[in-house]
All heavy atoms as atom14 arrays in JSON, in Angstrom:
{
  "sequence": "FSYSKGIFSSRQISELAGENLPARWLTKNLFPSYRTV",
  "atom14_mask": [
    [1, 1, 1, 1, 1, 1, 1, 1, 1, 1, 1, 0, 0, 0],
    [1, 1, 1, 1, 1, 1, 0, 0, 0, 0, 0, 0, 0, 0],
    [1, 1, 1, 1, 1, 1, 1, 1, 1, 1, 1, 1, 0, 0],
    [1, 1, 1, 1, 1, 1, 0, 0, 0, 0, 0, 0, 0, 0],
    [1, 1, 1, 1, 1, 1, 1, 1, 1, 0, 0, 0, 0, 0],
    [1, 1, 1, 1, 0, 0, 0, 0, 0, 0, 0, 0, 0, 0],
    [1, 1, 1, 1, 1, 1, 1, 1, 0, 0, 0, 0, 0, 0],
    [1, 1, 1, 1, 1, 1, 1, 1, 1, 1, 1, 0, 0, 0],
    [1, 1, 1, 1, 1, 1, 0, 0, 0, 0, 0, 0, 0, 0],
    [1, 1, 1, 1, 1, 1, 0, 0, 0, 0, 0, 0, 0, 0],
    [1, 1, 1, 1, 1, 1, 1, 1, 1, 1, 1, 0, 0, 0],
    [1, 1, 1, 1, 1, 1, 1, 1, 1, 0, 0, 0, 0, 0],
    [1, 1, 1, 1, 1, 1, 1, 1, 0, 0, 0, 0, 0, 0],
    [1, 1, 1, 1, 1, 1, 0, 0, 0, 0, 0, 0, 0, 0],
    [1, 1, 1, 1, 1, 1, 1, 1, 1, 0, 0, 0, 0, 0],
    [1, 1, 1, 1, 1, 1, 1, 1, 0, 0, 0, 0, 0, 0],
    [1, 1, 1, 1, 1, 0, 0, 0, 0, 0, 0, 0, 0, 0],
    [1, 1, 1, 1, 0, 0, 0, 0, 0, 0, 0, 0, 0, 0],
    [1, 1, 1, 1, 1, 1, 1, 1, 1, 0, 0, 0, 0, 0],
    [1, 1, 1, 1, 1, 1, 1, 1, 0, 0, 0, 0, 0, 0],
    [1, 1, 1, 1, 1, 1, 1, 1, 0, 0, 0, 0, 0, 0],
    [1, 1, 1, 1, 1, 1, 1, 0, 0, 0, 0, 0, 0, 0],
    [1, 1, 1, 1, 1, 0, 0, 0, 0, 0, 0, 0, 0, 0],
    [1, 1, 1, 1, 1, 1, 1, 1, 1, 1, 1, 0, 0, 0],
    [1, 1, 1, 1, 1, 1, 1, 1, 1, 1, 1, 1, 1, 1],
    [1, 1, 1, 1, 1, 1, 1, 1, 0, 0, 0, 0, 0, 0],
    [1, 1, 1, 1, 1, 1, 1, 0, 0, 0, 0, 0, 0, 0],
    [1, 1, 1, 1, 1, 1, 1, 1, 1, 0, 0, 0, 0, 0],
    [1, 1, 1, 1, 1, 1, 1, 1, 0, 0, 0, 0, 0, 0],
    [1, 1, 1, 1, 1, 1, 1, 1, 0, 0, 0, 0, 0, 0],
    [1, 1, 1, 1, 1, 1, 1, 1, 1, 1, 1, 0, 0, 0],
    [1, 1, 1, 1, 1, 1, 1, 0, 0, 0, 0, 0, 0, 0],
    [1, 1, 1, 1, 1, 1, 0, 0, 0, 0, 0, 0, 0, 0],
    [1, 1, 1, 1, 1, 1, 1, 1, 1, 1, 1, 1, 0, 0],
    [1, 1, 1, 1, 1, 1, 1, 1, 1, 1, 1, 0, 0, 0],
    [1, 1, 1, 1, 1, 1, 1, 0, 0, 0, 0, 0, 0, 0],
    [1, 1, 1, 1, 1, 1, 1, 0, 0, 0, 0, 0, 0, 0]
  ],
  "atom14_positions": [
    [[92.36, 76.39, 77.02], [93.29, 76.01, 78.09], [93.03, 74.59, 78.56], [93.96, 73.8, 78.73], [93.16, 76.99, 79.26], [94.04, 76.67, 80.43], [95.41, 76.86, 80.35], [93.51, 76.19, 81.61], [96.23, 76.57, 81.43], [94.31, 75.9, 82.68], [95.68, 76.08, 82.59], [0.0, 0.0, 0.0], [0.0, 0.0, 0.0], [0.0, 0.0, 0.0]],
    [[91.77, 74.25, 78.73], [91.45, 72.9, 79.2], [91.75, 71.86, 78.13], [92.2, 70.76, 78.45], [89.99, 72.82, 79.64], [89.13, 73.09, 78.56], [0.0, 0.0, 0.0], [0.0, 0.0, 0.0], [0.0, 0.0, 0.0], [0.0, 0.0, 0.0], [0.0, 0.0, 0.0], [0.0, 0.0, 0.0], [0.0, 0.0, 0.0], [0.0, 0.0, 0.0]],
    [[91.52, 72.18, 76.86], [91.87, 71.25, 75.78], [93.38, 71.02, 75.76], [93.82, 69.9, 75.5], [91.4, 71.78, 74.44], [89.92, 71.65, 74.17], [89.05, 71.08, 75.08], [89.38, 72.11, 72.99], [87.71, 70.97, 74.83], [88.03, 72.01, 72.71], [87.2, 71.44, 73.64], [85.85, 71.32, 73.38], [0.0, 0.0, 0.0], [0.0, 0.0, 0.0]],
    [[94.16, 72.06, 76.03], [95.61, 71.87, 76.04], [96.06, 70.99, 77.2], [97.12, 70.37, 77.14], [96.32, 73.23, 76.1], [96.15, 73.82, 77.37], [0.0, 0.0, 0.0], [0.0, 0.0, 0.0], [0.0, 0.0, 0.0], [0.0, 0.0, 0.0], [0.0, 0.0, 0.0], [0.0, 0.0, 0.0], [0.0, 0.0, 0.0], [0.0, 0.0, 0.0]],
    [[95.26, 70.94, 78.26], [95.55, 70.07, 79.4], [95.0, 68.66, 79.21], [95.18, 67.81, 80.06], [94.94, 70.66, 80.68], [95.52, 71.96, 81.11], [96.78, 71.7, 81.84], [97.28, 72.99, 82.46], [98.56, 72.79, 83.08], [0.0, 0.0, 0.0], [0.0, 0.0, 0.0], [0.0, 0.0, 0.0], [0.0, 0.0, 0.0], [0.0, 0.0, 0.0]],
    [[94.25, 68.43, 78.12], [93.68, 67.12, 77.86], [92.35, 66.89, 78.52], [91.93, 65.76, 78.72], [0.0, 0.0, 0.0], [0.0, 0.0, 0.0], [0.0, 0.0, 0.0], [0.0, 0.0, 0.0], [0.0, 0.0, 0.0], [0.0, 0.0, 0.0], [0.0, 0.0, 0.0], [0.0, 0.0, 0.0], [0.0, 0.0, 0.0], [0.0, 0.0, 0.0]],
    [[91.66, 67.96, 78.88], [90.36, 67.85, 79.54], [89.29, 68.24, 78.52], [89.3, 69.35, 77.99], [90.29, 68.78, 80.77], [91.36, 68.35, 81.78], [88.92, 68.75, 81.39], [91.51, 69.3, 82.93], [0.0, 0.0, 0.0], [0.0, 0.0, 0.0], [0.0, 0.0, 0.0], [0.0, 0.0, 0.0], [0.0, 0.0, 0.0], [0.0, 0.0, 0.0]],
    [[88.33, 67.31, 78.28], [87.32, 67.55, 77.26], [85.9, 67.5, 77.8], [84.97, 67.87, 77.1], [87.48, 66.51, 76.14], [88.81, 66.6, 75.47], [89.82, 65.7, 75.77], [89.08, 67.58, 74.54], [91.06, 65.78, 75.16], [90.31, 67.67, 73.93], [91.29, 66.77, 74.23], [0.0, 0.0, 0.0], [0.0, 0.0, 0.0], [0.0, 0.0, 0.0]],
    [[85.69, 67.09, 79.02], [84.37, 66.99, 79.62], [83.94, 68.35, 80.18], [84.74, 69.07, 80.8], [84.39, 65.96, 80.75], [83.22, 66.04, 81.51], [0.0, 0.0, 0.0], [0.0, 0.0, 0.0], [0.0, 0.0, 0.0], [0.0, 0.0, 0.0], [0.0, 0.0, 0.0], [0.0, 0.0, 0.0], [0.0, 0.0, 0.0], [0.0, 0.0, 0.0]],
    [[82.69, 68.71, 79.98], [82.18, 69.99, 80.48], [82.26, 70.06, 82.0], [82.59, 71.1, 82.57], [80.74, 70.21, 80.03], [80.66, 70.3, 78.64], [0.0, 0.0, 0.0], [0.0, 0.0, 0.0], [0.0, 0.0, 0.0], [0.0, 0.0, 0.0], [0.0, 0.0, 0.0], [0.0, 0.0, 0.0], [0.0, 0.0, 0.0], [0.0, 0.0, 0.0]],
    [[81.96, 68.96, 82.66], [82.03, 68.94, 84.13], [83.46, 69.09, 84.62], [83.72, 69.79, 85.61], [81.41, 67.65, 84.67], [79.91, 67.61, 84.47], [79.32, 66.33, 85.01], [77.94, 66.18, 84.62], [76.91, 66.44, 85.42], [77.12, 66.85, 86.64], [75.69, 66.27, 85.0], [0.0, 0.0, 0.0], [0.0, 0.0, 0.0], [0.0, 0.0, 0.0]],
    [[84.39, 68.45, 83.95], [85.79, 68.58, 84.35], [86.33, 69.97, 84.04], [87.15, 70.5, 84.79], [86.62, 67.51, 83.67], [86.35, 66.12, 84.19], [87.16, 65.07, 83.47], [87.76, 65.33, 82.43], [87.17, 63.87, 84.02], [0.0, 0.0, 0.0], [0.0, 0.0, 0.0], [0.0, 0.0, 0.0], [0.0, 0.0, 0.0], [0.0, 0.0, 0.0]],
    [[85.87, 70.59, 82.96], [86.29, 71.96, 82.64], [85.78, 72.92, 83.7], [86.49, 73.81, 84.15], [85.79, 72.37, 81.23], [86.52, 71.55, 80.17], [86.0, 73.85, 80.99], [85.96, 71.72, 78.77], [0.0, 0.0, 0.0], [0.0, 0.0, 0.0], [0.0, 0.0, 0.0], [0.0, 0.0, 0.0], [0.0, 0.0, 0.0], [0.0, 0.0, 0.0]],
    [[84.53, 72.73, 84.13], [83.97, 73.56, 85.19], [84.74, 73.38, 86.49], [85.02, 74.35, 87.21], [82.5, 73.19, 85.4], [81.95, 73.89, 86.46], [0.0, 0.0, 0.0], [0.0, 0.0, 0.0], [0.0, 0.0, 0.0], [0.0, 0.0, 0.0], [0.0, 0.0, 0.0], [0.0, 0.0, 0.0], [0.0, 0.0, 0.0], [0.0, 0.0, 0.0]],
    [[85.11, 72.16, 86.8], [85.91, 71.87, 88.0], [87.3, 72.5, 87.89], [87.82, 73.04, 88.87], [86.01, 70.36, 88.16], [86.64, 69.91, 89.44], [86.63, 68.39, 89.55], [85.58, 67.8, 89.29], [87.7, 67.83, 89.88], [0.0, 0.0, 0.0], [0.0, 0.0, 0.0], [0.0, 0.0, 0.0], [0.0, 0.0, 0.0], [0.0, 0.0, 0.0]],
    [[87.88, 72.45, 86.71], [89.19, 73.05, 86.47], [89.15, 74.56, 86.72], [90.08, 75.13, 87.3], [89.66, 72.76, 85.04], [90.97, 73.42, 84.61], [92.13, 72.65, 85.21], [91.06, 73.46, 83.1], [0.0, 0.0, 0.0], [0.0, 0.0, 0.0], [0.0, 0.0, 0.0], [0.0, 0.0, 0.0], [0.0, 0.0, 0.0], [0.0, 0.0, 0.0]],
    [[88.06, 75.2, 86.29], [87.94, 76.65, 86.47], [87.91, 77.05, 87.93], [88.35, 78.14, 88.29], [86.67, 77.15, 85.77], [0.0, 0.0, 0.0], [0.0, 0.0, 0.0], [0.0, 0.0, 0.0], [0.0, 0.0, 0.0], [0.0, 0.0, 0.0], [0.0, 0.0, 0.0], [0.0, 0.0, 0.0], [0.0, 0.0, 0.0], [0.0, 0.0, 0.0]],
    [[87.43, 76.17, 88.79], [87.38, 76.48, 90.21], [88.65, 76.14, 90.97], [88.95, 76.74, 92.0], [0.0, 0.0, 0.0], [0.0, 0.0, 0.0], [0.0, 0.0, 0.0], [0.0, 0.0, 0.0], [0.0, 0.0, 0.0], [0.0, 0.0, 0.0], [0.0, 0.0, 0.0], [0.0, 0.0, 0.0], [0.0, 0.0, 0.0], [0.0, 0.0, 0.0]],
    [[89.41, 75.19, 90.46], [90.56, 74.69, 91.22], [91.91, 75.19, 90.72], [92.85, 75.29, 91.49], [90.57, 73.16, 91.18], [89.41, 72.53, 91.89], [89.41, 71.03, 91.78], [90.24, 70.48, 91.03], [88.56, 70.4, 92.44], [0.0, 0.0, 0.0], [0.0, 0.0, 0.0], [0.0, 0.0, 0.0], [0.0, 0.0, 0.0], [0.0, 0.0, 0.0]],
    [[92.02, 75.48, 89.45], [93.31, 75.82, 88.85], [93.48, 77.34, 88.83], [92.61, 78.05, 88.32], [93.36, 75.25, 87.43], [94.74, 75.28, 86.85], [95.51, 76.16, 87.14], [95.03, 74.3, 86.02], [0.0, 0.0, 0.0], [0.0, 0.0, 0.0], [0.0, 0.0, 0.0], [0.0, 0.0, 0.0], [0.0, 0.0, 0.0], [0.0, 0.0, 0.0]],
    [[94.59, 77.83, 89.36], [94.81, 79.27, 89.45], [94.9, 79.96, 88.07], [94.27, 81.0, 87.88], [96.06, 79.56, 90.28], [96.28, 81.0, 90.69], [95.11, 81.51, 91.51], [97.56, 81.13, 91.46], [0.0, 0.0, 0.0], [0.0, 0.0, 0.0], [0.0, 0.0, 0.0], [0.0, 0.0, 0.0], [0.0, 0.0, 0.0], [0.0, 0.0, 0.0]],
    [[95.62, 79.41, 87.09], [95.61, 80.05, 85.77], [94.22, 80.06, 85.12], [93.85, 81.02, 84.46], [96.58, 79.21, 84.94], [97.48, 78.58, 85.94], [96.64, 78.36, 87.15], [0.0, 0.0, 0.0], [0.0, 0.0, 0.0], [0.0, 0.0, 0.0], [0.0, 0.0, 0.0], [0.0, 0.0, 0.0], [0.0, 0.0, 0.0], [0.0, 0.0, 0.0]],
    [[93.44, 79.02, 85.35], [92.09, 78.98, 84.81], [91.21, 80.02, 85.5], [90.36, 80.65, 84.86], [91.49, 77.59, 84.97], [0.0, 0.0, 0.0], [0.0, 0.0, 0.0], [0.0, 0.0, 0.0], [0.0, 0.0, 0.0], [0.0, 0.0, 0.0], [0.0, 0.0, 0.0], [0.0, 0.0, 0.0], [0.0, 0.0, 0.0], [0.0, 0.0, 0.0]],
    [[91.42, 80.23, 86.79], [90.68, 81.28, 87.5], [91.01, 82.66, 86.92], [90.15, 83.51, 86.81], [91.05, 81.28, 88.97], [90.38, 80.24, 89.77], [90.91, 80.32, 91.17], [89.85, 80.09, 92.11], [90.01, 80.17, 93.4], [91.17, 80.5, 93.9], [89.0, 79.92, 94.2], [0.0, 0.0, 0.0], [0.0, 0.0, 0.0], [0.0, 0.0, 0.0]],
    [[92.27, 82.85, 86.6], [92.7, 84.12, 86.03], [92.04, 84.34, 84.66], [91.64, 85.45, 84.34], [94.21, 84.15, 85.92], [94.74, 85.4, 85.34], [94.85, 86.61, 85.96], [95.23, 85.59, 84.01], [95.38, 87.52, 85.1], [95.63, 86.94, 83.89], [95.37, 84.75, 82.91], [96.14, 87.45, 82.73], [95.89, 85.27, 81.75], [96.26, 86.61, 81.66]],
    [[91.95, 83.28, 83.87], [91.34, 83.4, 82.55], [89.86, 83.74, 82.63], [89.34, 84.48, 81.79], [91.51, 82.08, 81.77], [92.91, 81.76, 81.3], [92.94, 80.37, 80.68], [93.4, 82.79, 80.3], [0.0, 0.0, 0.0], [0.0, 0.0, 0.0], [0.0, 0.0, 0.0], [0.0, 0.0, 0.0], [0.0, 0.0, 0.0], [0.0, 0.0, 0.0]],
    [[89.16, 83.23, 83.63], [87.73, 83.49, 83.76], [87.43, 84.67, 84.67], [86.27, 84.95, 84.95], [86.99, 82.26, 84.31], [87.54, 81.91, 85.57], [87.09, 81.1, 83.35], [0.0, 0.0, 0.0], [0.0, 0.0, 0.0], [0.0, 0.0, 0.0], [0.0, 0.0, 0.0], [0.0, 0.0, 0.0], [0.0, 0.0, 0.0], [0.0, 0.0, 0.0]],
    [[88.45, 85.35, 85.14], [88.31, 86.53, 86.0], [87.56, 86.2, 87.29], [86.66, 86.9, 87.71], [87.63, 87.65, 85.24], [88.43, 88.07, 84.02], [87.73, 89.11, 83.22], [88.6, 89.4, 82.02], [87.94, 90.11, 80.98], [0.0, 0.0, 0.0], [0.0, 0.0, 0.0], [0.0, 0.0, 0.0], [0.0, 0.0, 0.0], [0.0, 0.0, 0.0]],
    [[87.93, 85.07, 87.89], [87.37, 84.58, 89.16], [85.88, 84.29, 89.1], [85.2, 84.31, 90.11], [87.67, 85.53, 90.31], [89.08, 85.38, 90.8], [89.69, 84.32, 90.66], [89.63, 86.43, 91.36], [0.0, 0.0, 0.0], [0.0, 0.0, 0.0], [0.0, 0.0, 0.0], [0.0, 0.0, 0.0], [0.0, 0.0, 0.0], [0.0, 0.0, 0.0]],
    [[85.36, 84.01, 87.91], [83.99, 83.54, 87.78], [84.06, 82.05, 87.48], [84.93, 81.58, 86.76], [83.29, 84.26, 86.63], [83.1, 85.76, 86.81], [82.52, 86.37, 85.55], [82.18, 86.04, 87.99], [0.0, 0.0, 0.0], [0.0, 0.0, 0.0], [0.0, 0.0, 0.0], [0.0, 0.0, 0.0], [0.0, 0.0, 0.0], [0.0, 0.0, 0.0]],
    [[83.17, 81.29, 88.06], [83.2, 79.85, 87.93], [81.98, 79.4, 87.14], [80.9, 79.23, 87.72], [83.24, 79.17, 89.3], [84.32, 79.73, 90.19], [84.0, 80.43, 91.33], [85.65, 79.56, 89.86], [84.99, 80.94, 92.14], [86.65, 80.07, 90.66], [86.32, 80.76, 91.81], [0.0, 0.0, 0.0], [0.0, 0.0, 0.0], [0.0, 0.0, 0.0]],
    [[82.13, 79.21, 85.84], [80.97, 78.79, 85.04], [80.56, 77.36, 85.4], [81.4, 76.52, 85.69], [81.48, 78.87, 83.6], [82.95, 78.74, 83.7], [83.33, 79.34, 85.01], [0.0, 0.0, 0.0], [0.0, 0.0, 0.0], [0.0, 0.0, 0.0], [0.0, 0.0, 0.0], [0.0, 0.0, 0.0], [0.0, 0.0, 0.0], [0.0, 0.0, 0.0]],
    [[79.27, 77.12, 85.37], [78.78, 75.77, 85.62], [79.04, 74.9, 84.4], [79.35, 75.39, 83.31], [77.29, 75.79, 85.95], [76.55, 76.13, 84.79], [0.0, 0.0, 0.0], [0.0, 0.0, 0.0], [0.0, 0.0, 0.0], [0.0, 0.0, 0.0], [0.0, 0.0, 0.0], [0.0, 0.0, 0.0], [0.0, 0.0, 0.0], [0.0, 0.0, 0.0]],
    [[78.88, 73.62, 84.56], [79.11, 72.71, 83.44], [78.08, 72.95, 82.34], [78.36, 72.75, 81.17], [79.11, 71.25, 83.89], [77.75, 70.71, 84.3], [76.95, 70.04, 83.38], [77.28, 70.87, 85.59], [75.71, 69.55, 83.74], [76.05, 70.37, 85.96], [75.27, 69.72, 85.03], [74.04, 69.24, 85.4], [0.0, 0.0, 0.0], [0.0, 0.0, 0.0]],
    [[76.89, 73.4, 82.71], [75.87, 73.7, 81.7], [76.26, 74.89, 80.85], [76.05, 74.91, 79.64], [74.53, 73.95, 82.37], [73.93, 72.73, 82.97], [72.63, 73.02, 83.62], [72.08, 71.81, 84.21], [70.98, 71.79, 84.91], [70.31, 72.9, 85.14], [70.55, 70.64, 85.41], [0.0, 0.0, 0.0], [0.0, 0.0, 0.0], [0.0, 0.0, 0.0]],
    [[76.84, 75.9, 81.48], [77.3, 77.07, 80.74], [78.41, 76.68, 79.77], [78.41, 77.11, 78.62], [77.81, 78.15, 81.71], [76.78, 78.48, 82.63], [78.26, 79.39, 80.97], [0.0, 0.0, 0.0], [0.0, 0.0, 0.0], [0.0, 0.0, 0.0], [0.0, 0.0, 0.0], [0.0, 0.0, 0.0], [0.0, 0.0, 0.0], [0.0, 0.0, 0.0]],
    [[79.34, 75.87, 80.23], [80.43, 75.41, 79.38], [79.89, 74.59, 78.22], [80.29, 74.78, 77.05], [81.46, 74.59, 80.19], [82.5, 73.97, 79.3], [82.11, 75.45, 81.26], [0.0, 0.0, 0.0], [0.0, 0.0, 0.0], [0.0, 0.0, 0.0], [0.0, 0.0, 0.0], [0.0, 0.0, 0.0], [0.0, 0.0, 0.0], [0.0, 0.0, 0.0]]
  ]
}
C-alpha cells in the first residue's frame, strides 16, 4: 500500500500506518515501528 502511494522509507511507512485510515485497517489498528518495517 505504501509503495503504491510512493512512500519507500521505513519511517514514513510507520508514520503512514498511524495516520492513514486505510493503512490502519490493513494493520488491524497495530502501529509497527520503523524498525519492524
